[in-house]
Amino acid sequence: MSADSSTAERKKKVVGRPFKKGQSGNPGGLPKDLREVITLARSHTVTAINALAAIAQSGESEAAVIAASEALLNRAWGKPKDTVAIDGDSKLTVIIKKIAD
């Protein structure tokens, strides 16, 4: 094996799992500052839900009422799944393209 081919092998881009089995890609977890921001934001959940409910019930504009209502429903039930209706006469074409290495 020549020096050129061994260098090329070492420079290959790793695809898939670049970490050893059992090794974490993020051993430190979330940064402490980010965890604090998340905790602070979550402490205002009840206030935010109450504000959304108030806007949904008596918002000044129809857009505000709809946006608040959607936000409440999405948090309570999750976002609706996208669905596609295909009747019996329609043709479905699937195109699969391979991305070059």
PDB file of N, CA and C in Angstrom:
ATOM      1  N   MET A   1       0.854  -1.174   0.000  1.00  0.00           N
ATOM      2  CA  MET A   1       0.000   0.000   0.000  1.00  0.00           C
ATOM      3  C   MET A   1       0.898   1.234   0.000  1.00  0.00           C
ATOM      4  N   SER A   2       0.614   2.187  -0.853  1.00  0.00           N
ATOM      5  CA  SER A   2       1.455   3.372  -0.935  1.00  0.00           C
ATOM      6  C   SER A   2       1.040   4.393   0.114  1.00  0.00           C
ATOM      7  N   ALA A   3       1.897   5.396   0.311  1.00  0.00           N
ATOM      8  CA  ALA A   3       1.622   6.437   1.299  1.00  0.00           C
ATOM      9  C   ALA A   3       0.404   7.256   0.906  1.00  0.00           C
ATOM     10  N   ASP A   4       0.207   7.459  -0.414  1.00  0.00           N
ATOM     11  CA  ASP A   4      -0.932   8.240  -0.878  1.00  0.00           C
ATOM     12  C   ASP A   4      -2.259   7.564  -0.564  1.00  0.00           C
ATOM     13  N   SER A   5      -2.350   6.253  -0.756  1.00  0.00           N
ATOM     14  CA  SER A   5      -3.607   5.553  -0.513  1.00  0.00           C
ATOM     15  C   SER A   5      -3.921   5.469   0.974  1.00  0.00           C
ATOM     16  N   SER A   6      -2.906   5.316   1.826  1.00  0.00           N
ATOM     17  CA  SER A   6      -3.180   5.259   3.260  1.00  0.00           C
ATOM     18  C   SER A   6      -3.610   6.621   3.789  1.00  0.00           C
ATOM     19  N   THR A   7      -3.076   7.713   3.224  1.00  0.00           N
ATOM     20  CA  THR A   7      -3.488   9.055   3.620  1.00  0.00           C
ATOM     21  C   THR A   7      -4.934   9.293   3.200  1.00  0.00           C
ATOM     22  N   ALA A   8      -5.296   8.837   2.010  1.00  0.00           N
ATOM     23  CA  ALA A   8      -6.668   9.006   1.525  1.00  0.00           C
ATOM     24  C   ALA A   8      -7.648   8.237   2.398  1.00  0.00           C
ATOM     25  N   GLU A   9      -7.251   7.054   2.861  1.00  0.00           N
ATOM     26  CA  GLU A   9      -8.127   6.266   3.717  1.00  0.00           C
ATOM     27  C   GLU A   9      -8.367   6.960   5.051  1.00  0.00           C
ATOM     28  N   ARG A  10      -7.335   7.580   5.609  1.00  0.00           N
ATOM     29  CA  ARG A  10      -7.484   8.270   6.892  1.00  0.00           C
ATOM     30  C   ARG A  10      -8.346   9.521   6.763  1.00  0.00           C
ATOM     31  N   LYS A  11      -8.383  10.130   5.601  1.00  0.00           N
ATOM     32  CA  LYS A  11      -9.130  11.367   5.406  1.00  0.00           C
ATOM     33  C   LYS A  11     -10.575  11.130   4.993  1.00  0.00           C
ATOM     34  N   LYS A  12     -11.001   9.886   4.866  1.00  0.00           N
ATOM     35  CA  LYS A  12     -12.378   9.593   4.482  1.00  0.00           C
ATOM     36  C   LYS A  12     -13.335  10.173   5.511  1.00  0.00           C
ATOM     37  N   LYS A  13     -14.398  10.753   5.020  1.00  0.00           N
ATOM     38  CA  LYS A  13     -15.412  11.308   5.907  1.00  0.00           C
ATOM     39  C   LYS A  13     -16.192  10.158   6.537  1.00  0.00           C
ATOM     40  N   VAL A  14     -16.374  10.235   7.845  1.00  0.00           N
ATOM     41  CA  VAL A  14     -17.090   9.186   8.561  1.00  0.00           C
ATOM     42  C   VAL A  14     -18.585   9.393   8.362  1.00  0.00           C
ATOM     43  N   VAL A  15     -19.267   8.361   7.950  1.00  0.00           N
ATOM     44  CA  VAL A  15     -20.711   8.413   7.744  1.00  0.00           C
ATOM     45  C   VAL A  15     -21.352   7.501   8.774  1.00  0.00           C
ATOM     46  N   GLY A  16     -22.420   7.965   9.394  1.00  0.00           N
ATOM     47  CA  GLY A  16     -23.113   7.132  10.377  1.00  0.00           C
ATOM     48  C   GLY A  16     -22.708   7.493  11.782  1.00  0.00           C
ATOM     49  N   ARG A  17     -22.155   6.545  12.495  1.00  0.00           N
ATOM     50  CA  ARG A  17     -21.807   6.746  13.899  1.00  0.00           C
ATOM     51  C   ARG A  17     -20.302   6.935  14.050  1.00  0.00           C
ATOM     52  N   PRO A  18     -19.865   8.165  14.245  1.00  0.00           N
ATOM     53  CA  PRO A  18     -18.435   8.388  14.382  1.00  0.00           C
ATOM     54  C   PRO A  18     -17.893   8.059  15.778  1.00  0.00           C
ATOM     55  N   PHE A  19     -18.771   7.733  16.717  1.00  0.00           N
ATOM     56  CA  PHE A  19     -18.336   7.456  18.078  1.00  0.00           C
ATOM     57  C   PHE A  19     -18.321   5.955  18.333  1.00  0.00           C
ATOM     58  N   LYS A  20     -17.462   5.558  19.242  1.00  0.00           N
ATOM     59  CA  LYS A  20     -17.398   4.150  19.621  1.00  0.00           C
ATOM     60  C   LYS A  20     -18.698   3.759  20.319  1.00  0.00           C
ATOM     61  N   LYS A  21     -19.017   2.481  20.284  1.00  0.00           N
ATOM     62  CA  LYS A  21     -20.223   1.988  20.933  1.00  0.00           C
ATOM     63  C   LYS A  21     -20.166   2.324  22.425  1.00  0.00           C
ATOM     64  N   GLY A  22     -21.228   2.931  22.926  1.00  0.00           N
ATOM     65  CA  GLY A  22     -21.302   3.303  24.336  1.00  0.00           C
ATOM     66  C   GLY A  22     -20.716   4.670  24.639  1.00  0.00           C
ATOM     67  N   GLN A  23     -20.136   5.331  23.639  1.00  0.00           N
ATOM     68  CA  GLN A  23     -19.541   6.638  23.850  1.00  0.00           C
ATOM     69  C   GLN A  23     -20.540   7.711  23.413  1.00  0.00           C
ATOM     70  N   SER A  24     -20.707   8.733  24.225  1.00  0.00           N
ATOM     71  CA  SER A  24     -21.653   9.793  23.916  1.00  0.00           C
ATOM     72  C   SER A  24     -21.021  10.821  22.996  1.00  0.00           C
ATOM     73  N   GLY A  25     -21.825  11.367  22.101  1.00  0.00           N
ATOM     74  CA  GLY A  25     -21.377  12.457  21.256  1.00  0.00           C
ATOM     75  C   GLY A  25     -21.435  13.794  21.972  1.00  0.00           C
ATOM     76  N   ASN A  26     -22.087  13.821  23.118  1.00  0.00           N
ATOM     77  CA  ASN A  26     -22.216  15.043  23.907  1.00  0.00           C
ATOM     78  C   ASN A  26     -22.054  14.684  25.383  1.00  0.00           C
ATOM     79  N   PRO A  27     -20.836  14.334  25.801  1.00  0.00           N
ATOM     80  CA  PRO A  27     -20.649  13.834  27.164  1.00  0.00           C
ATOM     81  C   PRO A  27     -20.978  14.838  28.263  1.00  0.00           C
ATOM     82  N   GLY A  28     -20.864  16.133  27.970  1.00  0.00           N
ATOM     83  CA  GLY A  28     -21.143  17.142  28.993  1.00  0.00           C
ATOM     84  C   GLY A  28     -22.607  17.498  29.095  1.00  0.00           C
ATOM     85  N   GLY A  29     -23.416  17.047  28.158  1.00  0.00           N
ATOM     86  CA  GLY A  29     -24.835  17.401  28.153  1.00  0.00           C
ATOM     87  C   GLY A  29     -25.030  18.860  27.784  1.00  0.00           C
ATOM     88  N   LEU A  30     -26.191  19.405  28.130  1.00  0.00           N
ATOM     89  CA  LEU A  30     -26.474  20.805  27.852  1.00  0.00           C
ATOM     90  C   LEU A  30     -25.588  21.697  28.706  1.00  0.00           C
ATOM     91  N   PRO A  31     -25.178  22.845  28.167  1.00  0.00           N
ATOM     92  CA  PRO A  31     -24.426  23.790  28.996  1.00  0.00           C
ATOM     93  C   PRO A  31     -25.283  24.267  30.165  1.00  0.00           C
ATOM     94  N   LYS A  32     -24.644  24.587  31.288  1.00  0.00           N
ATOM     95  CA  LYS A  32     -25.362  24.981  32.497  1.00  0.00           C
ATOM     96  C   LYS A  32     -26.251  26.194  32.246  1.00  0.00           C
ATOM     97  N   ASP A  33     -25.753  27.180  31.502  1.00  0.00           N
ATOM     98  CA  ASP A  33     -26.545  28.382  31.223  1.00  0.00           C
ATOM     99  C   ASP A  33     -27.831  28.039  30.483  1.00  0.00           C
ATOM    100  N   LEU A  34     -27.747  27.132  29.514  1.00  0.00           N
ATOM    101  CA  LEU A  34     -28.927  26.746  28.753  1.00  0.00           C
ATOM    102  C   LEU A  34     -29.935  26.014  29.641  1.00  0.00           C
ATOM    103  N   ARG A  35     -29.448  25.160  30.524  1.00  0.00           N
ATOM    104  CA  ARG A  35     -30.360  24.462  31.454  1.00  0.00           C
ATOM    105  C   ARG A  35     -31.093  25.466  32.334  1.00  0.00           C
ATOM    106  N   GLU A  36     -30.383  26.516  32.766  1.00  0.00           N
ATOM    107  CA  GLU A  36     -31.020  27.527  33.609  1.00  0.00           C
ATOM    108  C   GLU A  36     -32.090  28.297  32.846  1.00  0.00           C
ATOM    109  N   VAL A  37     -31.830  28.609  31.577  1.00  0.00           N
ATOM    110  CA  VAL A  37     -32.814  29.323  30.757  1.00  0.00           C
ATOM    111  C   VAL A  37     -34.051  28.454  30.550  1.00  0.00           C
ATOM    112  N   ILE A  38     -33.846  27.171  30.281  1.00  0.00           N
ATOM    113  CA  ILE A  38     -34.972  26.254  30.093  1.00  0.00           C
ATOM    114  C   ILE A  38     -35.807  26.171  31.364  1.00  0.00           C
ATOM    115  N   THR A  39     -35.155  26.039  32.503  1.00  0.00           N
ATOM    116  CA  THR A  39     -35.864  25.963  33.781  1.00  0.00           C
ATOM    117  C   THR A  39     -36.654  27.243  34.042  1.00  0.00           C
ATOM    118  N   LEU A  40     -36.044  28.386  33.779  1.00  0.00           N
ATOM    119  CA  LEU A  40     -36.721  29.669  33.979  1.00  0.00           C
ATOM    120  C   LEU A  40     -37.938  29.787  33.061  1.00  0.00           C
ATOM    121  N   ALA A  41     -37.773  29.417  31.788  1.00  0.00           N
ATOM    122  CA  ALA A  41     -38.889  29.498  30.848  1.00  0.00           C
ATOM    123  C   ALA A  41     -40.025  28.571  31.262  1.00  0.00           C
ATOM    124  N   ARG A  42     -39.679  27.363  31.700  1.00  0.00           N
ATOM    125  CA  ARG A  42     -40.718  26.415  32.115  1.00  0.00           C
ATOM    126  C   ARG A  42     -41.451  26.883  33.364  1.00  0.00           C
ATOM    127  N   SER A  43     -40.809  27.696  34.195  1.00  0.00           N
ATOM    128  CA  SER A  43     -41.483  28.187  35.401  1.00  0.00           C
ATOM    129  C   SER A  43     -42.621  29.154  35.050  1.00  0.00           C
ATOM    130  N   HIS A  44     -42.634  29.675  33.842  1.00  0.00           N
ATOM    131  CA  HIS A  44     -43.687  30.600  33.405  1.00  0.00           C
ATOM    132  C   HIS A  44     -44.762  29.912  32.564  1.00  0.00           C
ATOM    133  N   THR A  45     -44.783  28.601  32.539  1.00  0.00           N
ATOM    134  CA  THR A  45     -45.734  27.869  31.708  1.00  0.00           C
ATOM    135  C   THR A  45     -47.180  28.196  32.045  1.00  0.00           C
ATOM    136  N   VAL A  46     -47.532  28.171  33.314  1.00  0.00           N
ATOM    137  CA  VAL A  46     -48.924  28.423  33.716  1.00  0.00           C
ATOM    138  C   VAL A  46     -49.343  29.837  33.322  1.00  0.00           C
ATOM    139  N   THR A  47     -48.463  30.805  33.541  1.00  0.00           N
ATOM    140  CA  THR A  47     -48.764  32.186  33.161  1.00  0.00           C
ATOM    141  C   THR A  47     -48.983  32.305  31.663  1.00  0.00           C
ATOM    142  N   ALA A  48     -48.135  31.651  30.880  1.00  0.00           N
ATOM    143  CA  ALA A  48     -48.244  31.722  29.428  1.00  0.00           C
ATOM    144  C   ALA A  48     -49.526  31.059  28.931  1.00  0.00           C
ATOM    145  N   ILE A  49     -49.863  29.920  29.497  1.00  0.00           N
ATOM    146  CA  ILE A  49     -51.101  29.236  29.108  1.00  0.00           C
ATOM    147  C   ILE A  49     -52.310  30.092  29.459  1.00  0.00           C
ATOM    148  N   ASN A  50     -52.295  30.691  30.634  1.00  0.00           N
ATOM    149  CA  ASN A  50     -53.407  31.575  31.027  1.00  0.00           C
ATOM    150  C   ASN A  50     -53.513  32.770  30.084  1.00  0.00           C
ATOM    151  N   ALA A  51     -52.379  33.336  29.669  1.00  0.00           N
ATOM    152  CA  ALA A  51     -52.394  34.469  28.742  1.00  0.00           C
ATOM    153  C   ALA A  51     -52.951  34.035  27.393  1.00  0.00           C
ATOM    154  N   LEU A  52     -52.530  32.865  26.906  1.00  0.00           N
ATOM    155  CA  LEU A  52     -53.060  32.358  25.638  1.00  0.00           C
ATOM    156  C   LEU A  52     -54.562  32.123  25.734  1.00  0.00           C
ATOM    157  N   ALA A  53     -55.015  31.577  26.855  1.00  0.00           N
ATOM    158  CA  ALA A  53     -56.445  31.327  27.031  1.00  0.00           C
ATOM    159  C   ALA A  53     -57.223  32.643  27.045  1.00  0.00           C
ATOM    160  N   ALA A  54     -56.684  33.663  27.686  1.00  0.00           N
ATOM    161  CA  ALA A  54     -57.362  34.961  27.732  1.00  0.00           C
ATOM    162  C   ALA A  54     -57.453  35.571  26.337  1.00  0.00           C
ATOM    163  N   ILE A  55     -56.370  35.458  25.566  1.00  0.00           N
ATOM    164  CA  ILE A  55     -56.387  35.992  24.199  1.00  0.00           C
ATOM    165  C   ILE A  55     -57.360  35.198  23.335  1.00  0.00           C
ATOM    166  N   ALA A  56     -57.380  33.872  23.508  1.00  0.00           N
ATOM    167  CA  ALA A  56     -58.295  33.032  22.724  1.00  0.00           C
ATOM    168  C   ALA A  56     -59.747  33.376  23.021  1.00  0.00           C
ATOM    169  N   GLN A  57     -60.047  33.757  24.278  1.00  0.00           N
ATOM    170  CA  GLN A  57     -61.431  34.075  24.654  1.00  0.00           C
ATOM    171  C   GLN A  57     -61.832  35.487  24.273  1.00  0.00           C
ATOM    172  N   SER A  58     -60.915  36.435  24.380  1.00  0.00           N
ATOM    173  CA  SER A  58     -61.324  37.823  24.134  1.00  0.00           C
ATOM    174  C   SER A  58     -60.222  38.643  23.470  1.00  0.00           C
ATOM    175  N   GLY A  59     -59.576  38.065  22.488  1.00  0.00           N
ATOM    176  CA  GLY A  59     -58.531  38.791  21.772  1.00  0.00           C
ATOM    177  C   GLY A  59     -59.106  39.944  20.974  1.00  0.00           C
ATOM    178  N   GLU A  60     -58.266  40.960  20.742  1.00  0.00           N
ATOM    179  CA  GLU A  60     -58.741  42.149  20.023  1.00  0.00           C
ATOM    180  C   GLU A  60     -58.873  41.917  18.530  1.00  0.00           C
ATOM    181  N   SER A  61     -58.113  40.962  17.994  1.00  0.00           N
ATOM    182  CA  SER A  61     -58.221  40.695  16.560  1.00  0.00           C
ATOM    183  C   SER A  61     -58.489  39.208  16.339  1.00  0.00           C
ATOM    184  N   GLU A  62     -59.095  38.929  15.205  1.00  0.00           N
ATOM    185  CA  GLU A  62     -59.390  37.535  14.870  1.00  0.00           C
ATOM    186  C   GLU A  62     -58.093  36.739  14.727  1.00  0.00           C
ATOM    187  N   ALA A  63     -57.054  37.370  14.177  1.00  0.00           N
ATOM    188  CA  ALA A  63     -55.764  36.691  13.996  1.00  0.00           C
ATOM    189  C   ALA A  63     -55.163  36.291  15.340  1.00  0.00           C
ATOM    190  N   ALA A  64     -55.286  37.187  16.339  1.00  0.00           N
ATOM    191  CA  ALA A  64     -54.745  36.881  17.665  1.00  0.00           C
ATOM    192  C   ALA A  64     -55.507  35.732  18.314  1.00  0.00           C
ATOM    193  N   VAL A  65     -56.816  35.729  18.167  1.00  0.00           N
ATOM    194  CA  VAL A  65     -57.651  34.663  18.737  1.00  0.00           C
ATOM    195  C   VAL A  65     -57.289  33.323  18.100  1.00  0.00           C
ATOM    196  N   ILE A  66     -57.144  33.316  16.773  1.00  0.00           N
ATOM    197  CA  ILE A  66     -56.805  32.078  16.071  1.00  0.00           C
ATOM    198  C   ILE A  66     -55.414  31.586  16.468  1.00  0.00           C
ATOM    199  N   ALA A  67     -54.438  32.490  16.508  1.00  0.00           N
ATOM    200  CA  ALA A  67     -53.073  32.099  16.864  1.00  0.00           C
ATOM    201  C   ALA A  67     -53.009  31.545  18.282  1.00  0.00           C
ATOM    202  N   ALA A  68     -53.691  32.187  19.217  1.00  0.00           N
ATOM    203  CA  ALA A  68     -53.692  31.712  20.605  1.00  0.00           C
ATOM    204  C   ALA A  68     -54.404  30.368  20.716  1.00  0.00           C
ATOM    205  N   SER A  69     -55.510  30.223  19.995  1.00  0.00           N
ATOM    206  CA  SER A  69     -56.255  28.957  20.023  1.00  0.00           C
ATOM    207  C   SER A  69     -55.412  27.820  19.462  1.00  0.00           C
ATOM    208  N   GLU A  70     -54.740  28.078  18.327  1.00  0.00           N
ATOM    209  CA  GLU A  70     -53.875  27.056  17.742  1.00  0.00           C
ATOM    210  C   GLU A  70     -52.742  26.678  18.686  1.00  0.00           C
ATOM    211  N   ALA A  71     -52.149  27.668  19.339  1.00  0.00           N
ATOM    212  CA  ALA A  71     -51.057  27.394  20.268  1.00  0.00           C
ATOM    213  C   ALA A  71     -51.531  26.515  21.418  1.00  0.00           C
ATOM    214  N   LEU A  72     -52.706  26.813  21.959  1.00  0.00           N
ATOM    215  CA  LEU A  72     -53.245  26.004  23.050  1.00  0.00           C
ATOM    216  C   LEU A  72     -53.534  24.576  22.594  1.00  0.00           C
ATOM    217  N   LEU A  73     -54.181  24.449  21.441  1.00  0.00           N
ATOM    218  CA  LEU A  73     -54.508  23.111  20.935  1.00  0.00           C
ATOM    219  C   LEU A  73     -53.243  22.299  20.631  1.00  0.00           C
ATOM    220  N   ASN A  74     -52.238  22.940  20.032  1.00  0.00           N
ATOM    221  CA  ASN A  74     -50.992  22.236  19.720  1.00  0.00           C
ATOM    222  C   ASN A  74     -50.281  21.753  20.977  1.00  0.00           C
ATOM    223  N   ARG A  75     -50.332  22.545  22.030  1.00  0.00           N
ATOM    224  CA  ARG A  75     -49.678  22.137  23.275  1.00  0.00           C
ATOM    225  C   ARG A  75     -50.458  21.036  23.980  1.00  0.00           C
ATOM    226  N   ALA A  76     -51.773  21.084  23.837  1.00  0.00           N
ATOM    227  CA  ALA A  76     -52.609  20.083  24.510  1.00  0.00           C
ATOM    228  C   ALA A  76     -52.644  18.760  23.748  1.00  0.00           C
ATOM    229  N   TRP A  77     -52.748  18.821  22.420  1.00  0.00           N
ATOM    230  CA  TRP A  77     -52.987  17.618  21.622  1.00  0.00           C
ATOM    231  C   TRP A  77     -51.870  17.309  20.629  1.00  0.00           C
ATOM    232  N   GLY A  78     -50.884  18.185  20.528  1.00  0.00           N
ATOM    233  CA  GLY A  78     -49.820  18.011  19.540  1.00  0.00           C
ATOM    234  C   GLY A  78     -50.259  18.587  18.208  1.00  0.00           C
ATOM    235  N   LYS A  79     -49.283  18.860  17.365  1.00  0.00           N
ATOM    236  CA  LYS A  79     -49.601  19.415  16.048  1.00  0.00           C
ATOM    237  C   LYS A  79     -50.262  18.342  15.193  1.00  0.00           C
ATOM    238  N   PRO A  80     -51.245  18.738  14.386  1.00  0.00           N
ATOM    239  CA  PRO A  80     -51.904  17.750  13.534  1.00  0.00           C
ATOM    240  C   PRO A  80     -50.938  17.188  12.492  1.00  0.00           C
ATOM    241  N   LYS A  81     -51.118  15.931  12.164  1.00  0.00           N
ATOM    242  CA  LYS A  81     -50.297  15.264  11.157  1.00  0.00           C
ATOM    243  C   LYS A  81     -50.725  15.758   9.775  1.00  0.00           C
ATOM    244  N   ASP A  82     -49.747  15.865   8.881  1.00  0.00           N
ATOM    245  CA  ASP A  82     -50.073  16.183   7.493  1.00  0.00           C
ATOM    246  C   ASP A  82     -50.639  14.933   6.843  1.00  0.00           C
ATOM    247  N   THR A  83     -51.720  15.084   6.140  1.00  0.00           N
ATOM    248  CA  THR A  83     -52.314  13.937   5.455  1.00  0.00           C
ATOM    249  C   THR A  83     -52.474  14.266   3.986  1.00  0.00           C
ATOM    250  N   VAL A  84     -52.432  13.243   3.178  1.00  0.00           N
ATOM    251  CA  VAL A  84     -52.617  13.393   1.742  1.00  0.00           C
ATOM    252  C   VAL A  84     -53.693  12.409   1.319  1.00  0.00           C
ATOM    253  N   ALA A  85     -54.704  12.897   0.634  1.00  0.00           N
ATOM    254  CA  ALA A  85     -55.763  12.024   0.128  1.00  0.00           C
ATOM    255  C   ALA A  85     -55.478  11.734  -1.333  1.00  0.00           C
ATOM    256  N   ILE A  86     -55.445  10.456  -1.674  1.00  0.00           N
ATOM    257  CA  ILE A  86     -55.227  10.041  -3.057  1.00  0.00           C
ATOM    258  C   ILE A  86     -56.428   9.209  -3.479  1.00  0.00           C
ATOM    259  N   ASP A  87     -57.091   9.674  -4.537  1.00  0.00           N
ATOM    260  CA  ASP A  87     -58.239   8.889  -5.001  1.00  0.00           C
ATOM    261  C   ASP A  87     -57.747   7.754  -5.897  1.00  0.00           C
ATOM    262  N   GLY A  88     -58.631   6.869  -6.272  1.00  0.00           N
ATOM    263  CA  GLY A  88     -58.268   5.680  -7.034  1.00  0.00           C
ATOM    264  C   GLY A  88     -57.731   5.963  -8.421  1.00  0.00           C
ATOM    265  N   ASP A  89     -58.036   7.139  -8.998  1.00  0.00           N
ATOM    266  CA  ASP A  89     -57.608   7.456 -10.356  1.00  0.00           C
ATOM    267  C   ASP A  89     -56.243   8.140 -10.410  1.00  0.00           C
ATOM    268  N   SER A  90     -55.726   8.554  -9.272  1.00  0.00           N
ATOM    269  CA  SER A  90     -54.459   9.279  -9.252  1.00  0.00           C
ATOM    270  C   SER A  90     -53.284   8.322  -9.347  1.00  0.00           C
ATOM    271  N   LYS A  91     -52.208   8.823  -9.941  1.00  0.00           N
ATOM    272  CA  LYS A  91     -50.975   8.054 -10.005  1.00  0.00           C
ATOM    273  C   LYS A  91     -49.978   8.670  -9.026  1.00  0.00           C
ATOM    274  N   LEU A  92     -49.264   7.838  -8.341  1.00  0.00           N
ATOM    275  CA  LEU A  92     -48.255   8.284  -7.398  1.00  0.00           C
ATOM    276  C   LEU A  92     -46.892   7.935  -7.973  1.00  0.00           C
ATOM    277  N   THR A  93     -46.042   8.936  -8.113  1.00  0.00           N
ATOM    278  CA  THR A  93     -44.704   8.720  -8.636  1.00  0.00           C
ATOM    279  C   THR A  93     -43.702   8.976  -7.519  1.00  0.00           C
ATOM    280  N   VAL A  94     -42.838   8.014  -7.299  1.00  0.00           N
ATOM    281  CA  VAL A  94     -41.803   8.154  -6.279  1.00  0.00           C
ATOM    282  C   VAL A  94     -40.467   8.229  -6.990  1.00  0.00           C
ATOM    283  N   ILE A  95     -39.714   9.275  -6.696  1.00  0.00           N
ATOM    284  CA  ILE A  95     -38.397   9.443  -7.296  1.00  0.00           C
ATOM    285  C   ILE A  95     -37.363   9.345  -6.193  1.00  0.00           C
ATOM    286  N   ILE A  96     -36.438   8.409  -6.339  1.00  0.00           N
ATOM    287  CA  ILE A  96     -35.383   8.226  -5.352  1.00  0.00           C
ATOM    288  C   ILE A  96     -34.067   8.586  -6.022  1.00  0.00           C
ATOM    289  N   LYS A  97     -33.366   9.531  -5.442  1.00  0.00           N
ATOM    290  CA  LYS A  97     -32.083   9.953  -5.989  1.00  0.00           C
ATOM    291  C   LYS A  97     -30.985   9.577  -5.001  1.00  0.00           C
ATOM    292  N   LYS A  98     -29.916   9.064  -5.513  1.00  0.00           N
ATOM    293  CA  LYS A  98     -28.784   8.706  -4.672  1.00  0.00           C
ATOM    294  C   LYS A  98     -27.853   9.901  -4.611  1.00  0.00           C
ATOM    295  N   ILE A  99     -27.488  10.265  -3.417  1.00  0.00           N
ATOM    296  CA  ILE A  99     -26.553  11.363  -3.227  1.00  0.00           C
ATOM    297  C   ILE A  99     -25.149  10.796  -3.349  1.00  0.00           C
ATOM    298  N   ALA A 100     -24.343  11.434  -4.157  1.00  0.00           N
ATOM    299  CA  ALA A 100     -22.976  10.942  -4.395  1.00  0.00           C
ATOM    300  C   ALA A 100     -22.182  10.976  -3.098  1.00  0.00           C
ATOM    301  N   ASP A 101     -21.298  10.021  -2.962  1.00  0.00           N
ATOM    302  CA  ASP A 101     -20.460   9.933  -1.754  1.00  0.00           C
ATOM    303  C   ASP A 101     -19.606  11.133  -1.563  1.00  0.00           C
TER     304      ASP A 101
END
